[in-house]
Amino acid sequence: MMIHTYIIQDKVEFFESTNLESLEKQIAKKIEDNMAIMLQVHHVSHEVTLDPKTGKRLYTAVVHFKVKQS
């Protein structure tokens, strides 16, 4: 049996919520989790759209994490 240990260089995560506070909490939790595996935030993109079914706001975000540069 062979075990390979690869270092994660990049990671992109997607988030969505019906309110901004919840979205911020989700992102903050993932930032903390990814710091443990030596990843830091490289870029954040966010958008607000209307859900076509309900007519309510839908907050989305994409966070790009990259390996920490020392």
PDB file of N, CA and C in Angstrom:
ATOM      1  N   MET A   1       0.838  -1.170   0.000  1.00  0.00           N
ATOM      2  CA  MET A   1       0.000   0.000   0.000  1.00  0.00           C
ATOM      3  C   MET A   1       0.885   1.236   0.000  1.00  0.00           C
ATOM      4  N   MET A   2       0.578   2.190  -0.890  1.00  0.00           N
ATOM      5  CA  MET A   2       1.346   3.426  -0.959  1.00  0.00           C
ATOM      6  C   MET A   2       0.484   4.592  -0.493  1.00  0.00           C
ATOM      7  N   ILE A   3       1.069   5.423   0.328  1.00  0.00           N
ATOM      8  CA  ILE A   3       0.371   6.621   0.790  1.00  0.00           C
ATOM      9  C   ILE A   3       1.094   7.828   0.215  1.00  0.00           C
ATOM     10  N   HIS A   4       0.335   8.656  -0.489  1.00  0.00           N
ATOM     11  CA  HIS A   4       0.899   9.868  -1.067  1.00  0.00           C
ATOM     12  C   HIS A   4       0.433  11.067  -0.255  1.00  0.00           C
ATOM     13  N   THR A   5       1.344  11.939   0.067  1.00  0.00           N
ATOM     14  CA  THR A   5       0.981  13.173   0.763  1.00  0.00           C
ATOM     15  C   THR A   5       1.289  14.348  -0.152  1.00  0.00           C
ATOM     16  N   TYR A   6       0.246  14.921  -0.684  1.00  0.00           N
ATOM     17  CA  TYR A   6       0.384  16.069  -1.566  1.00  0.00           C
ATOM     18  C   TYR A   6      -0.011  17.325  -0.808  1.00  0.00           C
ATOM     19  N   ILE A   7       0.706  18.385  -1.054  1.00  0.00           N
ATOM     20  CA  ILE A   7       0.379  19.660  -0.447  1.00  0.00           C
ATOM     21  C   ILE A   7      -0.671  20.345  -1.315  1.00  0.00           C
ATOM     22  N   ILE A   8      -1.753  20.770  -0.681  1.00  0.00           N
ATOM     23  CA  ILE A   8      -2.785  21.499  -1.409  1.00  0.00           C
ATOM     24  C   ILE A   8      -2.254  22.890  -1.688  1.00  0.00           C
ATOM     25  N   GLN A   9      -2.182  23.267  -2.943  1.00  0.00           N
ATOM     26  CA  GLN A   9      -1.677  24.579  -3.338  1.00  0.00           C
ATOM     27  C   GLN A   9      -2.796  25.608  -3.462  1.00  0.00           C
ATOM     28  N   ASP A  10      -3.923  25.196  -4.018  1.00  0.00           N
ATOM     29  CA  ASP A  10      -5.068  26.068  -4.252  1.00  0.00           C
ATOM     30  C   ASP A  10      -6.348  25.339  -3.884  1.00  0.00           C
ATOM     31  N   LYS A  11      -7.316  26.128  -3.452  1.00  0.00           N
ATOM     32  CA  LYS A  11      -8.610  25.562  -3.111  1.00  0.00           C
ATOM     33  C   LYS A  11      -9.653  26.658  -3.323  1.00  0.00           C
ATOM     34  N   VAL A  12     -10.741  26.334  -4.001  1.00  0.00           N
ATOM     35  CA  VAL A  12     -11.818  27.290  -4.231  1.00  0.00           C
ATOM     36  C   VAL A  12     -13.077  26.735  -3.573  1.00  0.00           C
ATOM     37  N   GLU A  13     -13.737  27.581  -2.777  1.00  0.00           N
ATOM     38  CA  GLU A  13     -14.956  27.159  -2.099  1.00  0.00           C
ATOM     39  C   GLU A  13     -16.081  28.133  -2.421  1.00  0.00           C
ATOM     40  N   PHE A  14     -17.297  27.591  -2.506  1.00  0.00           N
ATOM     41  CA  PHE A  14     -18.480  28.364  -2.864  1.00  0.00           C
ATOM     42  C   PHE A  14     -19.442  28.390  -1.685  1.00  0.00           C
ATOM     43  N   PHE A  15     -20.093  29.533  -1.488  1.00  0.00           N
ATOM     44  CA  PHE A  15     -21.010  29.704  -0.370  1.00  0.00           C
ATOM     45  C   PHE A  15     -22.272  30.404  -0.862  1.00  0.00           C
ATOM     46  N   GLU A  16     -23.413  30.102  -0.220  1.00  0.00           N
ATOM     47  CA  GLU A  16     -24.637  30.833  -0.501  1.00  0.00           C
ATOM     48  C   GLU A  16     -25.504  30.854   0.744  1.00  0.00           C
ATOM     49  N   SER A  17     -26.272  31.923   0.860  1.00  0.00           N
ATOM     50  CA  SER A  17     -27.142  32.083   2.018  1.00  0.00           C
ATOM     51  C   SER A  17     -28.240  33.072   1.667  1.00  0.00           C
ATOM     52  N   THR A  18     -29.304  33.047   2.463  1.00  0.00           N
ATOM     53  CA  THR A  18     -30.394  33.993   2.256  1.00  0.00           C
ATOM     54  C   THR A  18     -30.196  35.272   3.055  1.00  0.00           C
ATOM     55  N   ASN A  19     -29.173  35.300   3.930  1.00  0.00           N
ATOM     56  CA  ASN A  19     -28.868  36.554   4.634  1.00  0.00           C
ATOM     57  C   ASN A  19     -27.365  36.732   4.747  1.00  0.00           C
ATOM     58  N   LEU A  20     -26.953  37.975   4.803  1.00  0.00           N
ATOM     59  CA  LEU A  20     -25.539  38.319   4.765  1.00  0.00           C
ATOM     60  C   LEU A  20     -24.787  37.851   6.011  1.00  0.00           C
ATOM     61  N   GLU A  21     -25.425  37.925   7.165  1.00  0.00           N
ATOM     62  CA  GLU A  21     -24.771  37.516   8.411  1.00  0.00           C
ATOM     63  C   GLU A  21     -24.394  36.035   8.388  1.00  0.00           C
ATOM     64  N   SER A  22     -25.290  35.217   7.895  1.00  0.00           N
ATOM     65  CA  SER A  22     -25.030  33.780   7.801  1.00  0.00           C
ATOM     66  C   SER A  22     -23.898  33.494   6.823  1.00  0.00           C
ATOM     67  N   LEU A  23     -23.879  34.210   5.712  1.00  0.00           N
ATOM     68  CA  LEU A  23     -22.819  34.036   4.726  1.00  0.00           C
ATOM     69  C   LEU A  23     -21.461  34.398   5.331  1.00  0.00           C
ATOM     70  N   GLU A  24     -21.416  35.493   6.068  1.00  0.00           N
ATOM     71  CA  GLU A  24     -20.169  35.914   6.710  1.00  0.00           C
ATOM     72  C   GLU A  24     -19.682  34.862   7.715  1.00  0.00           C
ATOM     73  N   LYS A  25     -20.604  34.274   8.475  1.00  0.00           N
ATOM     74  CA  LYS A  25     -20.234  33.238   9.449  1.00  0.00           C
ATOM     75  C   LYS A  25     -19.673  31.999   8.750  1.00  0.00           C
ATOM     76  N   GLN A  26     -20.296  31.592   7.637  1.00  0.00           N
ATOM     77  CA  GLN A  26     -19.822  30.429   6.880  1.00  0.00           C
ATOM     78  C   GLN A  26     -18.396  30.661   6.385  1.00  0.00           C
ATOM     79  N   ILE A  27     -18.161  31.851   5.825  1.00  0.00           N
ATOM     80  CA  ILE A  27     -16.841  32.164   5.284  1.00  0.00           C
ATOM     81  C   ILE A  27     -15.803  32.240   6.397  1.00  0.00           C
ATOM     82  N   ALA A  28     -16.146  32.876   7.515  1.00  0.00           N
ATOM     83  CA  ALA A  28     -15.211  32.987   8.643  1.00  0.00           C
ATOM     84  C   ALA A  28     -14.822  31.608   9.176  1.00  0.00           C
ATOM     85  N   LYS A  29     -15.778  30.696   9.248  1.00  0.00           N
ATOM     86  CA  LYS A  29     -15.504  29.331   9.714  1.00  0.00           C
ATOM     87  C   LYS A  29     -14.531  28.629   8.769  1.00  0.00           C
ATOM     88  N   LYS A  30     -14.747  28.768   7.451  1.00  0.00           N
ATOM     89  CA  LYS A  30     -13.869  28.117   6.481  1.00  0.00           C
ATOM     90  C   LYS A  30     -12.479  28.732   6.468  1.00  0.00           C
ATOM     91  N   ILE A  31     -12.380  30.036   6.696  1.00  0.00           N
ATOM     92  CA  ILE A  31     -11.070  30.672   6.779  1.00  0.00           C
ATOM     93  C   ILE A  31     -10.284  30.073   7.936  1.00  0.00           C
ATOM     94  N   GLU A  32     -10.945  29.920   9.063  1.00  0.00           N
ATOM     95  CA  GLU A  32     -10.304  29.321  10.239  1.00  0.00           C
ATOM     96  C   GLU A  32      -9.881  27.877   9.965  1.00  0.00           C
ATOM     97  N   ASP A  33     -10.759  27.100   9.334  1.00  0.00           N
ATOM     98  CA  ASP A  33     -10.443  25.700   9.008  1.00  0.00           C
ATOM     99  C   ASP A  33      -9.252  25.605   8.061  1.00  0.00           C
ATOM    100  N   ASN A  34      -9.225  26.467   7.051  1.00  0.00           N
ATOM    101  CA  ASN A  34      -8.165  26.403   6.049  1.00  0.00           C
ATOM    102  C   ASN A  34      -6.835  26.929   6.569  1.00  0.00           C
ATOM    103  N   MET A  35      -6.860  27.795   7.569  1.00  0.00           N
ATOM    104  CA  MET A  35      -5.607  28.241   8.180  1.00  0.00           C
ATOM    105  C   MET A  35      -4.877  27.057   8.815  1.00  0.00           C
ATOM    106  N   ALA A  36      -5.643  26.086   9.304  1.00  0.00           N
ATOM    107  CA  ALA A  36      -5.044  24.897   9.916  1.00  0.00           C
ATOM    108  C   ALA A  36      -4.272  24.058   8.909  1.00  0.00           C
ATOM    109  N   ILE A  37      -4.644  24.139   7.644  1.00  0.00           N
ATOM    110  CA  ILE A  37      -3.907  23.388   6.617  1.00  0.00           C
ATOM    111  C   ILE A  37      -3.048  24.324   5.765  1.00  0.00           C
ATOM    112  N   MET A  38      -2.675  25.463   6.379  1.00  0.00           N
ATOM    113  CA  MET A  38      -1.714  26.407   5.808  1.00  0.00           C
ATOM    114  C   MET A  38      -2.194  27.095   4.529  1.00  0.00           C
ATOM    115  N   LEU A  39      -3.497  27.340   4.436  1.00  0.00           N
ATOM    116  CA  LEU A  39      -4.045  28.080   3.305  1.00  0.00           C
ATOM    117  C   LEU A  39      -4.545  29.435   3.786  1.00  0.00           C
ATOM    118  N   GLN A  40      -4.344  30.453   2.963  1.00  0.00           N
ATOM    119  CA  GLN A  40      -4.848  31.777   3.299  1.00  0.00           C
ATOM    120  C   GLN A  40      -5.721  32.289   2.154  1.00  0.00           C
ATOM    121  N   VAL A  41      -6.531  33.282   2.443  1.00  0.00           N
ATOM    122  CA  VAL A  41      -7.427  33.844   1.437  1.00  0.00           C
ATOM    123  C   VAL A  41      -6.606  34.595   0.397  1.00  0.00           C
ATOM    124  N   HIS A  42      -6.850  34.257  -0.858  1.00  0.00           N
ATOM    125  CA  HIS A  42      -6.179  34.935  -1.969  1.00  0.00           C
ATOM    126  C   HIS A  42      -7.130  35.935  -2.623  1.00  0.00           C
ATOM    127  N   HIS A  43      -8.393  35.526  -2.809  1.00  0.00           N
ATOM    128  CA  HIS A  43      -9.355  36.385  -3.485  1.00  0.00           C
ATOM    129  C   HIS A  43     -10.771  36.015  -3.053  1.00  0.00           C
ATOM    130  N   VAL A  44     -11.617  37.024  -2.917  1.00  0.00           N
ATOM    131  CA  VAL A  44     -13.030  36.812  -2.596  1.00  0.00           C
ATOM    132  C   VAL A  44     -13.869  37.542  -3.634  1.00  0.00           C
ATOM    133  N   SER A  45     -14.885  36.853  -4.130  1.00  0.00           N
ATOM    134  CA  SER A  45     -15.832  37.457  -5.052  1.00  0.00           C
ATOM    135  C   SER A  45     -17.229  37.191  -4.501  1.00  0.00           C
ATOM    136  N   HIS A  46     -18.077  38.196  -4.516  1.00  0.00           N
ATOM    137  CA  HIS A  46     -19.423  38.003  -3.973  1.00  0.00           C
ATOM    138  C   HIS A  46     -20.458  38.682  -4.861  1.00  0.00           C
ATOM    139  N   GLU A  47     -21.694  38.251  -4.690  1.00  0.00           N
ATOM    140  CA  GLU A  47     -22.772  38.756  -5.535  1.00  0.00           C
ATOM    141  C   GLU A  47     -24.098  38.601  -4.804  1.00  0.00           C
ATOM    142  N   VAL A  48     -25.029  39.487  -5.113  1.00  0.00           N
ATOM    143  CA  VAL A  48     -26.390  39.395  -4.597  1.00  0.00           C
ATOM    144  C   VAL A  48     -27.318  39.273  -5.800  1.00  0.00           C
ATOM    145  N   THR A  49     -28.156  38.263  -5.769  1.00  0.00           N
ATOM    146  CA  THR A  49     -29.134  38.072  -6.843  1.00  0.00           C
ATOM    147  C   THR A  49     -30.501  37.834  -6.231  1.00  0.00           C
ATOM    148  N   LEU A  50     -31.509  37.826  -7.050  1.00  0.00           N
ATOM    149  CA  LEU A  50     -32.857  37.500  -6.594  1.00  0.00           C
ATOM    150  C   LEU A  50     -33.172  36.068  -6.969  1.00  0.00           C
ATOM    151  N   ASP A  51     -33.667  35.317  -5.997  1.00  0.00           N
ATOM    152  CA  ASP A  51     -34.099  33.949  -6.256  1.00  0.00           C
ATOM    153  C   ASP A  51     -35.360  34.021  -7.123  1.00  0.00           C
ATOM    154  N   PRO A  52     -35.326  33.420  -8.319  1.00  0.00           N
ATOM    155  CA  PRO A  52     -36.486  33.540  -9.216  1.00  0.00           C
ATOM    156  C   PRO A  52     -37.754  32.875  -8.681  1.00  0.00           C
ATOM    157  N   LYS A  53     -37.598  31.897  -7.804  1.00  0.00           N
ATOM    158  CA  LYS A  53     -38.773  31.198  -7.282  1.00  0.00           C
ATOM    159  C   LYS A  53     -39.450  31.979  -6.158  1.00  0.00           C
ATOM    160  N   THR A  54     -38.641  32.577  -5.283  1.00  0.00           N
ATOM    161  CA  THR A  54     -39.209  33.243  -4.102  1.00  0.00           C
ATOM    162  C   THR A  54     -39.179  34.762  -4.202  1.00  0.00           C
ATOM    163  N   GLY A  55     -38.325  35.296  -5.059  1.00  0.00           N
ATOM    164  CA  GLY A  55     -38.191  36.741  -5.171  1.00  0.00           C
ATOM    165  C   GLY A  55     -37.347  37.358  -4.067  1.00  0.00           C
ATOM    166  N   LYS A  56     -36.746  36.515  -3.223  1.00  0.00           N
ATOM    167  CA  LYS A  56     -35.913  37.002  -2.122  1.00  0.00           C
ATOM    168  C   LYS A  56     -34.455  37.100  -2.560  1.00  0.00           C
ATOM    169  N   ARG A  57     -33.691  37.867  -1.822  1.00  0.00           N
ATOM    170  CA  ARG A  57     -32.269  38.013  -2.112  1.00  0.00           C
ATOM    171  C   ARG A  57     -31.518  36.723  -1.804  1.00  0.00           C
ATOM    172  N   LEU A  58     -30.531  36.430  -2.629  1.00  0.00           N
ATOM    173  CA  LEU A  58     -29.665  35.276  -2.433  1.00  0.00           C
ATOM    174  C   LEU A  58     -28.227  35.778  -2.501  1.00  0.00           C
ATOM    175  N   TYR A  59     -27.510  35.644  -1.405  1.00  0.00           N
ATOM    176  CA  TYR A  59     -26.126  36.098  -1.313  1.00  0.00           C
ATOM    177  C   TYR A  59     -25.203  34.931  -1.623  1.00  0.00           C
ATOM    178  N   THR A  60     -24.269  35.141  -2.539  1.00  0.00           N
ATOM    179  CA  THR A  60     -23.309  34.101  -2.882  1.00  0.00           C
ATOM    180  C   THR A  60     -21.889  34.654  -2.803  1.00  0.00           C
ATOM    181  N   ALA A  61     -20.943  33.759  -2.572  1.00  0.00           N
ATOM    182  CA  ALA A  61     -19.533  34.156  -2.515  1.00  0.00           C
ATOM    183  C   ALA A  61     -18.668  33.004  -2.990  1.00  0.00           C
ATOM    184  N   VAL A  62     -17.544  33.381  -3.586  1.00  0.00           N
ATOM    185  CA  VAL A  62     -16.514  32.423  -3.991  1.00  0.00           C
ATOM    186  C   VAL A  62     -15.227  32.879  -3.318  1.00  0.00           C
ATOM    187  N   VAL A  63     -14.588  31.966  -2.593  1.00  0.00           N
ATOM    188  CA  VAL A  63     -13.343  32.295  -1.901  1.00  0.00           C
ATOM    189  C   VAL A  63     -12.235  31.396  -2.441  1.00  0.00           C
ATOM    190  N   HIS A  64     -11.152  32.029  -2.907  1.00  0.00           N
ATOM    191  CA  HIS A  64      -9.996  31.310  -3.435  1.00  0.00           C
ATOM    192  C   HIS A  64      -8.926  31.318  -2.351  1.00  0.00           C
ATOM    193  N   PHE A  65      -8.537  30.135  -1.908  1.00  0.00           N
ATOM    194  CA  PHE A  65      -7.486  29.978  -0.906  1.00  0.00           C
ATOM    195  C   PHE A  65      -6.213  29.516  -1.596  1.00  0.00           C
ATOM    196  N   LYS A  66      -5.079  30.029  -1.144  1.00  0.00           N
ATOM    197  CA  LYS A  66      -3.774  29.623  -1.664  1.00  0.00           C
ATOM    198  C   LYS A  66      -2.863  29.294  -0.499  1.00  0.00           C
ATOM    199  N   VAL A  67      -1.845  28.521  -0.787  1.00  0.00           N
ATOM    200  CA  VAL A  67      -0.873  28.146   0.230  1.00  0.00           C
ATOM    201  C   VAL A  67      -0.176  29.408   0.755  1.00  0.00           C
ATOM    202  N   LYS A  68       0.087  29.435   2.063  1.00  0.00           N
ATOM    203  CA  LYS A  68       0.747  30.580   2.683  1.00  0.00           C
ATOM    204  C   LYS A  68       2.181  30.703   2.182  1.00  0.00           C
ATOM    205  N   GLN A  69       2.561  31.906   1.842  1.00  0.00           N
ATOM    206  CA  GLN A  69       3.944  32.183   1.433  1.00  0.00           C
ATOM    207  C   GLN A  69       4.695  32.705   2.659  1.00  0.00           C
ATOM    208  N   SER A  70       5.795  32.051   3.019  1.00  0.00           N
ATOM    209  CA  SER A  70       6.539  32.507   4.191  1.00  0.00           C
ATOM    210  C   SER A  70       7.620  33.475   3.847  1.00  0.00           C
TER     211      SER A  70
END
